[in-house]
Each structure stands twice: as structure tokens, then as C-alpha cells.
Amino acid sequence: QVLETLEQLLVNRAEVTTLDLLQALPGE
């Protein structure tokens, strides 16, 4: 799930920050 989230983020941006990942990971 983490891998897929990172790959999706990289589609739309040149870099991914820790905060980006925090906002994007799924889970209630």
C-alpha cells in the first residue's frame, strides 16, 4: 500500500515530501 501510494504521488510531482506521504496514505 505504501509502495502504490508513493508511485501514485510520483505520477503528478517531481518530488514527494514526508508530509505529502502523510496526507496520501489510506486508512481510517
mmCIF file of all heavy atoms, coordinates in Angstrom:
data_MODEL
# 
_entry.id   MODEL 
# 
loop_
_atom_site.group_PDB 
_atom_site.id 
_atom_site.type_symbol 
_atom_site.label_atom_id 
_atom_site.label_alt_id 
_atom_site.label_comp_id 
_atom_site.label_asym_id 
_atom_site.label_entity_id 
_atom_site.label_seq_id 
_atom_site.pdbx_PDB_ins_code 
_atom_site.Cartn_x 
_atom_site.Cartn_y 
_atom_site.Cartn_z 
_atom_site.occupancy 
_atom_site.B_iso_or_equiv 
_atom_site.pdbx_formal_charge 
_atom_site.auth_seq_id 
_atom_site.auth_comp_id 
_atom_site.auth_asym_id 
_atom_site.auth_atom_id 
_atom_site.pdbx_PDB_model_num 
ATOM 1   N N   . GLN A 1 1  ? 0.833   -1.203 0.000   1.00 0.00 ? 1  GLN A N   1 
ATOM 2   C CA  . GLN A 1 1  ? 0.000   0.000  0.000   1.00 0.00 ? 1  GLN A CA  1 
ATOM 3   C C   . GLN A 1 1  ? 0.872   1.259  0.000   1.00 0.00 ? 1  GLN A C   1 
ATOM 4   O O   . GLN A 1 1  ? 0.572   2.243  -0.689  1.00 0.00 ? 1  GLN A O   1 
ATOM 5   C CB  . GLN A 1 1  ? -0.894  -0.019 1.235   1.00 0.00 ? 1  GLN A CB  1 
ATOM 6   C CG  . GLN A 1 1  ? -2.178  0.754  1.103   1.00 0.00 ? 1  GLN A CG  1 
ATOM 7   C CD  . GLN A 1 1  ? -3.114  0.474  2.257   1.00 0.00 ? 1  GLN A CD  1 
ATOM 8   O OE1 . GLN A 1 1  ? -2.721  0.596  3.421   1.00 0.00 ? 1  GLN A OE1 1 
ATOM 9   N NE2 . GLN A 1 1  ? -4.340  0.096  1.959   1.00 0.00 ? 1  GLN A NE2 1 
ATOM 10  N N   . VAL A 1 2  ? 1.955   1.210  0.786   1.00 0.00 ? 2  VAL A N   1 
ATOM 11  C CA  . VAL A 1 2  ? 2.887   2.339  0.807   1.00 0.00 ? 2  VAL A CA  1 
ATOM 12  C C   . VAL A 1 2  ? 3.529   2.503  -0.567  1.00 0.00 ? 2  VAL A C   1 
ATOM 13  O O   . VAL A 1 2  ? 3.666   3.616  -1.083  1.00 0.00 ? 2  VAL A O   1 
ATOM 14  C CB  . VAL A 1 2  ? 3.959   2.126  1.886   1.00 0.00 ? 2  VAL A CB  1 
ATOM 15  C CG1 . VAL A 1 2  ? 4.958   3.272  1.874   1.00 0.00 ? 2  VAL A CG1 1 
ATOM 16  C CG2 . VAL A 1 2  ? 3.329   2.003  3.256   1.00 0.00 ? 2  VAL A CG2 1 
ATOM 17  N N   . LEU A 1 3  ? 3.942   1.386  -1.179  1.00 0.00 ? 3  LEU A N   1 
ATOM 18  C CA  . LEU A 1 3  ? 4.568   1.430  -2.500  1.00 0.00 ? 3  LEU A CA  1 
ATOM 19  C C   . LEU A 1 3  ? 3.624   2.053  -3.523  1.00 0.00 ? 3  LEU A C   1 
ATOM 20  O O   . LEU A 1 3  ? 4.009   2.945  -4.292  1.00 0.00 ? 3  LEU A O   1 
ATOM 21  C CB  . LEU A 1 3  ? 4.963   0.015  -2.918  1.00 0.00 ? 3  LEU A CB  1 
ATOM 22  C CG  . LEU A 1 3  ? 5.439   -0.177 -4.359  1.00 0.00 ? 3  LEU A CG  1 
ATOM 23  C CD1 . LEU A 1 3  ? 6.700   0.632  -4.618  1.00 0.00 ? 3  LEU A CD1 1 
ATOM 24  C CD2 . LEU A 1 3  ? 5.689   -1.643 -4.658  1.00 0.00 ? 3  LEU A CD2 1 
ATOM 25  N N   . GLU A 1 4  ? 2.376   1.597  -3.543  1.00 0.00 ? 4  GLU A N   1 
ATOM 26  C CA  . GLU A 1 4  ? 1.416   2.123  -4.516  1.00 0.00 ? 4  GLU A CA  1 
ATOM 27  C C   . GLU A 1 4  ? 1.147   3.606  -4.277  1.00 0.00 ? 4  GLU A C   1 
ATOM 28  O O   . GLU A 1 4  ? 1.003   4.382  -5.233  1.00 0.00 ? 4  GLU A O   1 
ATOM 29  C CB  . GLU A 1 4  ? 0.122   1.314  -4.432  1.00 0.00 ? 4  GLU A CB  1 
ATOM 30  C CG  . GLU A 1 4  ? 0.286   -0.127 -4.904  1.00 0.00 ? 4  GLU A CG  1 
ATOM 31  C CD  . GLU A 1 4  ? -0.953  -0.967 -4.650  1.00 0.00 ? 4  GLU A CD  1 
ATOM 32  O OE1 . GLU A 1 4  ? -1.914  -0.434 -4.032  1.00 0.00 ? 4  GLU A OE1 1 
ATOM 33  O OE2 . GLU A 1 4  ? -0.966  -2.144 -5.046  1.00 0.00 ? 4  GLU A OE2 1 
ATOM 34  N N   . THR A 1 5  ? 1.095   4.005  -3.016  1.00 0.00 ? 5  THR A N   1 
ATOM 35  C CA  . THR A 1 5  ? 0.869   5.420  -2.704  1.00 0.00 ? 5  THR A CA  1 
ATOM 36  C C   . THR A 1 5  ? 2.016   6.281  -3.220  1.00 0.00 ? 5  THR A C   1 
ATOM 37  O O   . THR A 1 5  ? 1.798   7.340  -3.820  1.00 0.00 ? 5  THR A O   1 
ATOM 38  C CB  . THR A 1 5  ? 0.699   5.618  -1.193  1.00 0.00 ? 5  THR A CB  1 
ATOM 39  O OG1 . THR A 1 5  ? -0.396  4.831  -0.731  1.00 0.00 ? 5  THR A OG1 1 
ATOM 40  C CG2 . THR A 1 5  ? 0.455   7.068  -0.854  1.00 0.00 ? 5  THR A CG2 1 
ATOM 41  N N   . LEU A 1 6  ? 3.231   5.838  -2.991  1.00 0.00 ? 6  LEU A N   1 
ATOM 42  C CA  . LEU A 1 6  ? 4.395   6.595  -3.472  1.00 0.00 ? 6  LEU A CA  1 
ATOM 43  C C   . LEU A 1 6  ? 4.397   6.688  -4.990  1.00 0.00 ? 6  LEU A C   1 
ATOM 44  O O   . LEU A 1 6  ? 4.695   7.736  -5.569  1.00 0.00 ? 6  LEU A O   1 
ATOM 45  C CB  . LEU A 1 6  ? 5.687   5.940  -2.974  1.00 0.00 ? 6  LEU A CB  1 
ATOM 46  C CG  . LEU A 1 6  ? 6.053   6.185  -1.505  1.00 0.00 ? 6  LEU A CG  1 
ATOM 47  C CD1 . LEU A 1 6  ? 7.218   5.299  -1.092  1.00 0.00 ? 6  LEU A CD1 1 
ATOM 48  C CD2 . LEU A 1 6  ? 6.390   7.649  -1.264  1.00 0.00 ? 6  LEU A CD2 1 
ATOM 49  N N   . GLU A 1 7  ? 4.097   5.578  -5.650  1.00 0.00 ? 7  GLU A N   1 
ATOM 50  C CA  . GLU A 1 7  ? 4.093   5.595  -7.117  1.00 0.00 ? 7  GLU A CA  1 
ATOM 51  C C   . GLU A 1 7  ? 3.025   6.553  -7.645  1.00 0.00 ? 7  GLU A C   1 
ATOM 52  O O   . GLU A 1 7  ? 3.253   7.272  -8.628  1.00 0.00 ? 7  GLU A O   1 
ATOM 53  C CB  . GLU A 1 7  ? 3.872   4.182  -7.652  1.00 0.00 ? 7  GLU A CB  1 
ATOM 54  C CG  . GLU A 1 7  ? 5.074   3.274  -7.460  1.00 0.00 ? 7  GLU A CG  1 
ATOM 55  C CD  . GLU A 1 7  ? 4.903   1.933  -8.136  1.00 0.00 ? 7  GLU A CD  1 
ATOM 56  O OE1 . GLU A 1 7  ? 3.783   1.400  -8.128  1.00 0.00 ? 7  GLU A OE1 1 
ATOM 57  O OE2 . GLU A 1 7  ? 5.898   1.414  -8.672  1.00 0.00 ? 7  GLU A OE2 1 
ATOM 58  N N   . GLN A 1 8  ? 1.852   6.573  -7.012  1.00 0.00 ? 8  GLN A N   1 
ATOM 59  C CA  . GLN A 1 8  ? 0.801   7.490  -7.450  1.00 0.00 ? 8  GLN A CA  1 
ATOM 60  C C   . GLN A 1 8  ? 1.221   8.944  -7.248  1.00 0.00 ? 8  GLN A C   1 
ATOM 61  O O   . GLN A 1 8  ? 0.951   9.803  -8.093  1.00 0.00 ? 8  GLN A O   1 
ATOM 62  C CB  . GLN A 1 8  ? -0.491  7.184  -6.684  1.00 0.00 ? 8  GLN A CB  1 
ATOM 63  C CG  . GLN A 1 8  ? -1.142  5.862  -7.062  1.00 0.00 ? 8  GLN A CG  1 
ATOM 64  C CD  . GLN A 1 8  ? -2.268  5.471  -6.122  1.00 0.00 ? 8  GLN A CD  1 
ATOM 65  O OE1 . GLN A 1 8  ? -2.605  6.208  -5.198  1.00 0.00 ? 8  GLN A OE1 1 
ATOM 66  N NE2 . GLN A 1 8  ? -2.849  4.297  -6.355  1.00 0.00 ? 8  GLN A NE2 1 
ATOM 67  N N   . LEU A 1 9  ? 1.874   9.220  -6.131  1.00 0.00 ? 9  LEU A N   1 
ATOM 68  C CA  . LEU A 1 9  ? 2.340   10.588 -5.884  1.00 0.00 ? 9  LEU A CA  1 
ATOM 69  C C   . LEU A 1 9  ? 3.371   11.010 -6.917  1.00 0.00 ? 9  LEU A C   1 
ATOM 70  O O   . LEU A 1 9  ? 3.387   12.168 -7.367  1.00 0.00 ? 9  LEU A O   1 
ATOM 71  C CB  . LEU A 1 9  ? 2.931   10.686 -4.479  1.00 0.00 ? 9  LEU A CB  1 
ATOM 72  C CG  . LEU A 1 9  ? 1.936   10.649 -3.312  1.00 0.00 ? 9  LEU A CG  1 
ATOM 73  C CD1 . LEU A 1 9  ? 2.683   10.516 -1.990  1.00 0.00 ? 9  LEU A CD1 1 
ATOM 74  C CD2 . LEU A 1 9  ? 1.068   11.899 -3.305  1.00 0.00 ? 9  LEU A CD2 1 
ATOM 75  N N   . LEU A 1 10 ? 4.235   10.088 -7.309  1.00 0.00 ? 10 LEU A N   1 
ATOM 76  C CA  . LEU A 1 10 ? 5.298   10.429 -8.255  1.00 0.00 ? 10 LEU A CA  1 
ATOM 77  C C   . LEU A 1 10 ? 4.780   10.678 -9.665  1.00 0.00 ? 10 LEU A C   1 
ATOM 78  O O   . LEU A 1 10 ? 5.486   11.257 -10.490 1.00 0.00 ? 10 LEU A O   1 
ATOM 79  C CB  . LEU A 1 10 ? 6.348   9.311  -8.287  1.00 0.00 ? 10 LEU A CB  1 
ATOM 80  C CG  . LEU A 1 10 ? 7.288   9.267  -7.080  1.00 0.00 ? 10 LEU A CG  1 
ATOM 81  C CD1 . LEU A 1 10 ? 8.087   7.977  -7.078  1.00 0.00 ? 10 LEU A CD1 1 
ATOM 82  C CD2 . LEU A 1 10 ? 8.225   10.465 -7.090  1.00 0.00 ? 10 LEU A CD2 1 
ATOM 83  N N   . VAL A 1 11 ? 3.558   10.242 -9.938  1.00 0.00 ? 11 VAL A N   1 
ATOM 84  C CA  . VAL A 1 11 ? 2.989   10.495 -11.261 1.00 0.00 ? 11 VAL A CA  1 
ATOM 85  C C   . VAL A 1 11 ? 2.764   11.991 -11.474 1.00 0.00 ? 11 VAL A C   1 
ATOM 86  O O   . VAL A 1 11 ? 2.942   12.520 -12.572 1.00 0.00 ? 11 VAL A O   1 
ATOM 87  C CB  . VAL A 1 11 ? 1.666   9.722  -11.431 1.00 0.00 ? 11 VAL A CB  1 
ATOM 88  C CG1 . VAL A 1 11 ? 0.928   10.172 -12.692 1.00 0.00 ? 11 VAL A CG1 1 
ATOM 89  C CG2 . VAL A 1 11 ? 1.943   8.224  -11.486 1.00 0.00 ? 11 VAL A CG2 1 
ATOM 90  N N   . ASN A 1 12 ? 2.397   12.689 -10.413 1.00 0.00 ? 12 ASN A N   1 
ATOM 91  C CA  . ASN A 1 12 ? 1.979   14.088 -10.545 1.00 0.00 ? 12 ASN A CA  1 
ATOM 92  C C   . ASN A 1 12 ? 2.965   15.110 -10.014 1.00 0.00 ? 12 ASN A C   1 
ATOM 93  O O   . ASN A 1 12 ? 2.717   16.304 -10.099 1.00 0.00 ? 12 ASN A O   1 
ATOM 94  C CB  . ASN A 1 12 ? 0.636   14.287 -9.820  1.00 0.00 ? 12 ASN A CB  1 
ATOM 95  C CG  . ASN A 1 12 ? -0.468  13.428 -10.404 1.00 0.00 ? 12 ASN A CG  1 
ATOM 96  O OD1 . ASN A 1 12 ? -0.595  13.320 -11.615 1.00 0.00 ? 12 ASN A OD1 1 
ATOM 97  N ND2 . ASN A 1 12 ? -1.247  12.787 -9.531  1.00 0.00 ? 12 ASN A ND2 1 
ATOM 98  N N   . ARG A 1 13 ? 4.076   14.663 -9.428  1.00 0.00 ? 13 ARG A N   1 
ATOM 99  C CA  . ARG A 1 13 ? 5.015   15.636 -8.869  1.00 0.00 ? 13 ARG A CA  1 
ATOM 100 C C   . ARG A 1 13 ? 6.443   15.130 -8.999  1.00 0.00 ? 13 ARG A C   1 
ATOM 101 O O   . ARG A 1 13 ? 6.690   13.933 -9.084  1.00 0.00 ? 13 ARG A O   1 
ATOM 102 C CB  . ARG A 1 13 ? 4.658   15.944 -7.416  1.00 0.00 ? 13 ARG A CB  1 
ATOM 103 C CG  . ARG A 1 13 ? 4.704   14.755 -6.493  1.00 0.00 ? 13 ARG A CG  1 
ATOM 104 C CD  . ARG A 1 13 ? 4.038   15.068 -5.166  1.00 0.00 ? 13 ARG A CD  1 
ATOM 105 N NE  . ARG A 1 13 ? 2.584   15.124 -5.307  1.00 0.00 ? 13 ARG A NE  1 
ATOM 106 C CZ  . ARG A 1 13 ? 1.762   15.554 -4.373  1.00 0.00 ? 13 ARG A CZ  1 
ATOM 107 N NH1 . ARG A 1 13 ? 2.237   16.000 -3.238  1.00 0.00 ? 13 ARG A NH1 1 
ATOM 108 N NH2 . ARG A 1 13 ? 0.471   15.565 -4.563  1.00 0.00 ? 13 ARG A NH2 1 
ATOM 109 N N   . ALA A 1 14 ? 7.368   16.067 -9.029  1.00 0.00 ? 14 ALA A N   1 
ATOM 110 C CA  . ALA A 1 14 ? 8.779   15.729 -9.209  1.00 0.00 ? 14 ALA A CA  1 
ATOM 111 C C   . ALA A 1 14 ? 9.417   15.241 -7.926  1.00 0.00 ? 14 ALA A C   1 
ATOM 112 O O   . ALA A 1 14 ? 10.430  14.554 -7.959  1.00 0.00 ? 14 ALA A O   1 
ATOM 113 C CB  . ALA A 1 14 ? 9.549   16.938 -9.747  1.00 0.00 ? 14 ALA A CB  1 
ATOM 114 N N   . GLU A 1 15 ? 8.829   15.611 -6.778  1.00 0.00 ? 15 GLU A N   1 
ATOM 115 C CA  . GLU A 1 15 ? 9.364   15.124 -5.513  1.00 0.00 ? 15 GLU A CA  1 
ATOM 116 C C   . GLU A 1 15 ? 8.233   14.904 -4.525  1.00 0.00 ? 15 GLU A C   1 
ATOM 117 O O   . GLU A 1 15 ? 7.168   15.518 -4.628  1.00 0.00 ? 15 GLU A O   1 
ATOM 118 C CB  . GLU A 1 15 ? 10.409  16.084 -4.937  1.00 0.00 ? 15 GLU A CB  1 
ATOM 119 C CG  . GLU A 1 15 ? 9.850   17.381 -4.403  1.00 0.00 ? 15 GLU A CG  1 
ATOM 120 C CD  . GLU A 1 15 ? 10.913  18.225 -3.707  1.00 0.00 ? 15 GLU A CD  1 
ATOM 121 O OE1 . GLU A 1 15 ? 12.082  18.140 -4.087  1.00 0.00 ? 15 GLU A OE1 1 
ATOM 122 O OE2 . GLU A 1 15 ? 10.552  18.978 -2.785  1.00 0.00 ? 15 GLU A OE2 1 
ATOM 123 N N   . VAL A 1 16 ? 8.476   13.999 -3.598  1.00 0.00 ? 16 VAL A N   1 
ATOM 124 C CA  . VAL A 1 16 ? 7.478   13.658 -2.589  1.00 0.00 ? 16 VAL A CA  1 
ATOM 125 C C   . VAL A 1 16 ? 8.082   13.924 -1.220  1.00 0.00 ? 16 VAL A C   1 
ATOM 126 O O   . VAL A 1 16 ? 9.165   13.411 -0.904  1.00 0.00 ? 16 VAL A O   1 
ATOM 127 C CB  . VAL A 1 16 ? 7.062   12.173 -2.694  1.00 0.00 ? 16 VAL A CB  1 
ATOM 128 C CG1 . VAL A 1 16 ? 6.072   11.819 -1.586  1.00 0.00 ? 16 VAL A CG1 1 
ATOM 129 C CG2 . VAL A 1 16 ? 6.472   11.879 -4.061  1.00 0.00 ? 16 VAL A CG2 1 
ATOM 130 N N   . THR A 1 17 ? 7.404   14.735 -0.405  1.00 0.00 ? 17 THR A N   1 
ATOM 131 C CA  . THR A 1 17 ? 7.888   15.014 0.941   1.00 0.00 ? 17 THR A CA  1 
ATOM 132 C C   . THR A 1 17 ? 7.227   14.071 1.946   1.00 0.00 ? 17 THR A C   1 
ATOM 133 O O   . THR A 1 17 ? 6.252   13.380 1.632   1.00 0.00 ? 17 THR A O   1 
ATOM 134 C CB  . THR A 1 17 ? 7.587   16.461 1.345   1.00 0.00 ? 17 THR A CB  1 
ATOM 135 O OG1 . THR A 1 17 ? 6.165   16.604 1.517   1.00 0.00 ? 17 THR A OG1 1 
ATOM 136 C CG2 . THR A 1 17 ? 8.086   17.438 0.300   1.00 0.00 ? 17 THR A CG2 1 
ATOM 137 N N   . THR A 1 18 ? 7.754   14.075 3.149   1.00 0.00 ? 18 THR A N   1 
ATOM 138 C CA  . THR A 1 18 ? 7.160   13.294 4.222   1.00 0.00 ? 18 THR A CA  1 
ATOM 139 C C   . THR A 1 18 ? 5.712   13.710 4.445   1.00 0.00 ? 18 THR A C   1 
ATOM 140 O O   . THR A 1 18 ? 4.833   12.874 4.662   1.00 0.00 ? 18 THR A O   1 
ATOM 141 C CB  . THR A 1 18 ? 7.959   13.482 5.518   1.00 0.00 ? 18 THR A CB  1 
ATOM 142 O OG1 . THR A 1 18 ? 9.321   13.181 5.266   1.00 0.00 ? 18 THR A OG1 1 
ATOM 143 C CG2 . THR A 1 18 ? 7.430   12.597 6.625   1.00 0.00 ? 18 THR A CG2 1 
ATOM 144 N N   . LEU A 1 19 ? 5.457   14.995 4.400   1.00 0.00 ? 19 LEU A N   1 
ATOM 145 C CA  . LEU A 1 19 ? 4.101   15.488 4.620   1.00 0.00 ? 19 LEU A CA  1 
ATOM 146 C C   . LEU A 1 19 ? 3.158   15.046 3.500   1.00 0.00 ? 19 LEU A C   1 
ATOM 147 O O   . LEU A 1 19 ? 1.996   14.734 3.742   1.00 0.00 ? 19 LEU A O   1 
ATOM 148 C CB  . LEU A 1 19 ? 4.127   17.012 4.725   1.00 0.00 ? 19 LEU A CB  1 
ATOM 149 C CG  . LEU A 1 19 ? 2.972   17.677 5.480   1.00 0.00 ? 19 LEU A CG  1 
ATOM 150 C CD1 . LEU A 1 19 ? 2.835   17.105 6.875   1.00 0.00 ? 19 LEU A CD1 1 
ATOM 151 C CD2 . LEU A 1 19 ? 3.191   19.179 5.539   1.00 0.00 ? 19 LEU A CD2 1 
ATOM 152 N N   . ASP A 1 20 ? 3.670   15.011 2.263   1.00 0.00 ? 20 ASP A N   1 
ATOM 153 C CA  . ASP A 1 20 ? 2.856   14.506 1.152   1.00 0.00 ? 20 ASP A CA  1 
ATOM 154 C C   . ASP A 1 20 ? 2.408   13.074 1.425   1.00 0.00 ? 20 ASP A C   1 
ATOM 155 O O   . ASP A 1 20 ? 1.239   12.715 1.202   1.00 0.00 ? 20 ASP A O   1 
ATOM 156 C CB  . ASP A 1 20 ? 3.657   14.536 -0.148  1.00 0.00 ? 20 ASP A CB  1 
ATOM 157 C CG  . ASP A 1 20 ? 3.964   15.934 -0.631  1.00 0.00 ? 20 ASP A CG  1 
ATOM 158 O OD1 . ASP A 1 20 ? 3.189   16.849 -0.319  1.00 0.00 ? 20 ASP A OD1 1 
ATOM 159 O OD2 . ASP A 1 20 ? 4.996   16.113 -1.309  1.00 0.00 ? 20 ASP A OD2 1 
ATOM 160 N N   . LEU A 1 21 ? 3.332   12.258 1.868   1.00 0.00 ? 21 LEU A N   1 
ATOM 161 C CA  . LEU A 1 21 ? 3.012   10.861 2.133   1.00 0.00 ? 21 LEU A CA  1 
ATOM 162 C C   . LEU A 1 21 ? 2.015   10.748 3.282   1.00 0.00 ? 21 LEU A C   1 
ATOM 163 O O   . LEU A 1 21 ? 1.082   9.945  3.249   1.00 0.00 ? 21 LEU A O   1 
ATOM 164 C CB  . LEU A 1 21 ? 4.287   10.085 2.459   1.00 0.00 ? 21 LEU A CB  1 
ATOM 165 C CG  . LEU A 1 21 ? 4.125   8.585  2.673   1.00 0.00 ? 21 LEU A CG  1 
ATOM 166 C CD1 . LEU A 1 21 ? 3.577   7.911  1.430   1.00 0.00 ? 21 LEU A CD1 1 
ATOM 167 C CD2 . LEU A 1 21 ? 5.462   7.964  3.064   1.00 0.00 ? 21 LEU A CD2 1 
ATOM 168 N N   . LEU A 1 22 ? 2.203   11.571 4.292   1.00 0.00 ? 22 LEU A N   1 
ATOM 169 C CA  . LEU A 1 22 ? 1.298   11.575 5.441   1.00 0.00 ? 22 LEU A CA  1 
ATOM 170 C C   . LEU A 1 22 ? -0.134  11.867 5.004   1.00 0.00 ? 22 LEU A C   1 
ATOM 171 O O   . LEU A 1 22 ? -1.082  11.266 5.486   1.00 0.00 ? 22 LEU A O   1 
ATOM 172 C CB  . LEU A 1 22 ? 1.779   12.609 6.452   1.00 0.00 ? 22 LEU A CB  1 
ATOM 173 C CG  . LEU A 1 22 ? 0.974   12.823 7.729   1.00 0.00 ? 22 LEU A CG  1 
ATOM 174 C CD1 . LEU A 1 22 ? 1.929   13.162 8.868   1.00 0.00 ? 22 LEU A CD1 1 
ATOM 175 C CD2 . LEU A 1 22 ? -0.025  13.958 7.559   1.00 0.00 ? 22 LEU A CD2 1 
ATOM 176 N N   . GLN A 1 23 ? -0.289  12.784 4.068   1.00 0.00 ? 23 GLN A N   1 
ATOM 177 C CA  . GLN A 1 23 ? -1.622  13.167 3.620   1.00 0.00 ? 23 GLN A CA  1 
ATOM 178 C C   . GLN A 1 23 ? -2.239  12.146 2.669   1.00 0.00 ? 23 GLN A C   1 
ATOM 179 O O   . GLN A 1 23 ? -3.452  12.091 2.533   1.00 0.00 ? 23 GLN A O   1 
ATOM 180 C CB  . GLN A 1 23 ? -1.569  14.526 2.922   1.00 0.00 ? 23 GLN A CB  1 
ATOM 181 C CG  . GLN A 1 23 ? -1.252  15.680 3.848   1.00 0.00 ? 23 GLN A CG  1 
ATOM 182 C CD  . GLN A 1 23 ? -1.152  16.978 3.078   1.00 0.00 ? 23 GLN A CD  1 
ATOM 183 O OE1 . GLN A 1 23 ? -0.155  17.264 2.432   1.00 0.00 ? 23 GLN A OE1 1 
ATOM 184 N NE2 . GLN A 1 23 ? -2.217  17.773 3.164   1.00 0.00 ? 23 GLN A NE2 1 
ATOM 185 N N   . ALA A 1 24 ? -1.425  11.324 2.028   1.00 0.00 ? 24 ALA A N   1 
ATOM 186 C CA  . ALA A 1 24 ? -1.933  10.464 0.961   1.00 0.00 ? 24 ALA A CA  1 
ATOM 187 C C   . ALA A 1 24 ? -2.196  9.026  1.370   1.00 0.00 ? 24 ALA A C   1 
ATOM 188 O O   . ALA A 1 24 ? -3.007  8.350  0.743   1.00 0.00 ? 24 ALA A O   1 
ATOM 189 C CB  . ALA A 1 24 ? -0.936  10.479 -0.214  1.00 0.00 ? 24 ALA A CB  1 
ATOM 190 N N   . LEU A 1 25 ? -1.516  8.520  2.388   1.00 0.00 ? 25 LEU A N   1 
ATOM 191 C CA  . LEU A 1 25 ? -1.686  7.110  2.738   1.00 0.00 ? 25 LEU A CA  1 
ATOM 192 C C   . LEU A 1 25 ? -3.128  6.826  3.160   1.00 0.00 ? 25 LEU A C   1 
ATOM 193 O O   . LEU A 1 25 ? -3.693  7.563  3.964   1.00 0.00 ? 25 LEU A O   1 
ATOM 194 C CB  . LEU A 1 25 ? -0.743  6.719  3.866   1.00 0.00 ? 25 LEU A CB  1 
ATOM 195 C CG  . LEU A 1 25 ? 0.600   6.131  3.455   1.00 0.00 ? 25 LEU A CG  1 
ATOM 196 C CD1 . LEU A 1 25 ? 1.488   5.937  4.684   1.00 0.00 ? 25 LEU A CD1 1 
ATOM 197 C CD2 . LEU A 1 25 ? 0.443   4.822  2.717   1.00 0.00 ? 25 LEU A CD2 1 
ATOM 198 N N   . PRO A 1 26 ? -3.725  5.743  2.645   1.00 0.00 ? 26 PRO A N   1 
ATOM 199 C CA  . PRO A 1 26 ? -5.111  5.411  3.013   1.00 0.00 ? 26 PRO A CA  1 
ATOM 200 C C   . PRO A 1 26 ? -5.188  4.783  4.396   1.00 0.00 ? 26 PRO A C   1 
ATOM 201 O O   . PRO A 1 26 ? -4.217  4.248  4.914   1.00 0.00 ? 26 PRO A O   1 
ATOM 202 C CB  . PRO A 1 26 ? -5.523  4.410  1.930   1.00 0.00 ? 26 PRO A CB  1 
ATOM 203 C CG  . PRO A 1 26 ? -4.237  3.765  1.521   1.00 0.00 ? 26 PRO A CG  1 
ATOM 204 C CD  . PRO A 1 26 ? -3.176  4.829  1.627   1.00 0.00 ? 26 PRO A CD  1 
ATOM 205 N N   . GLY A 1 27 ? -6.365  4.829  4.986   1.00 0.00 ? 27 GLY A N   1 
ATOM 206 C CA  . GLY A 1 27 ? -6.592  4.234  6.297   1.00 0.00 ? 27 GLY A CA  1 
ATOM 207 C C   . GLY A 1 27 ? -7.462  5.143  7.130   1.00 0.00 ? 27 GLY A C   1 
ATOM 208 O O   . GLY A 1 27 ? -7.276  6.366  7.146   1.00 0.00 ? 27 GLY A O   1 
ATOM 209 N N   . GLU A 1 28 ? -8.430  4.584  7.823   1.00 0.00 ? 28 GLU A N   1 
ATOM 210 C CA  . GLU A 1 28 ? -9.319  5.420  8.622   1.00 0.00 ? 28 GLU A CA  1 
ATOM 211 C C   . GLU A 1 28 ? -8.586  6.072  9.789   1.00 0.00 ? 28 GLU A C   1 
ATOM 212 O O   . GLU A 1 28 ? -8.839  7.199  10.156  1.00 0.00 ? 28 GLU A O   1 
ATOM 213 C CB  . GLU A 1 28 ? -10.498 4.584  9.139   1.00 0.00 ? 28 GLU A CB  1 
ATOM 214 C CG  . GLU A 1 28 ? -11.422 4.111  8.018   1.00 0.00 ? 28 GLU A CG  1 
ATOM 215 C CD  . GLU A 1 28 ? -12.622 3.376  8.557   1.00 0.00 ? 28 GLU A CD  1 
ATOM 216 O OE1 . GLU A 1 28 ? -12.757 3.279  9.798   1.00 0.00 ? 28 GLU A OE1 1 
ATOM 217 O OE2 . GLU A 1 28 ? -13.435 2.914  7.742   1.00 0.00 ? 28 GLU A OE2 1 
# 
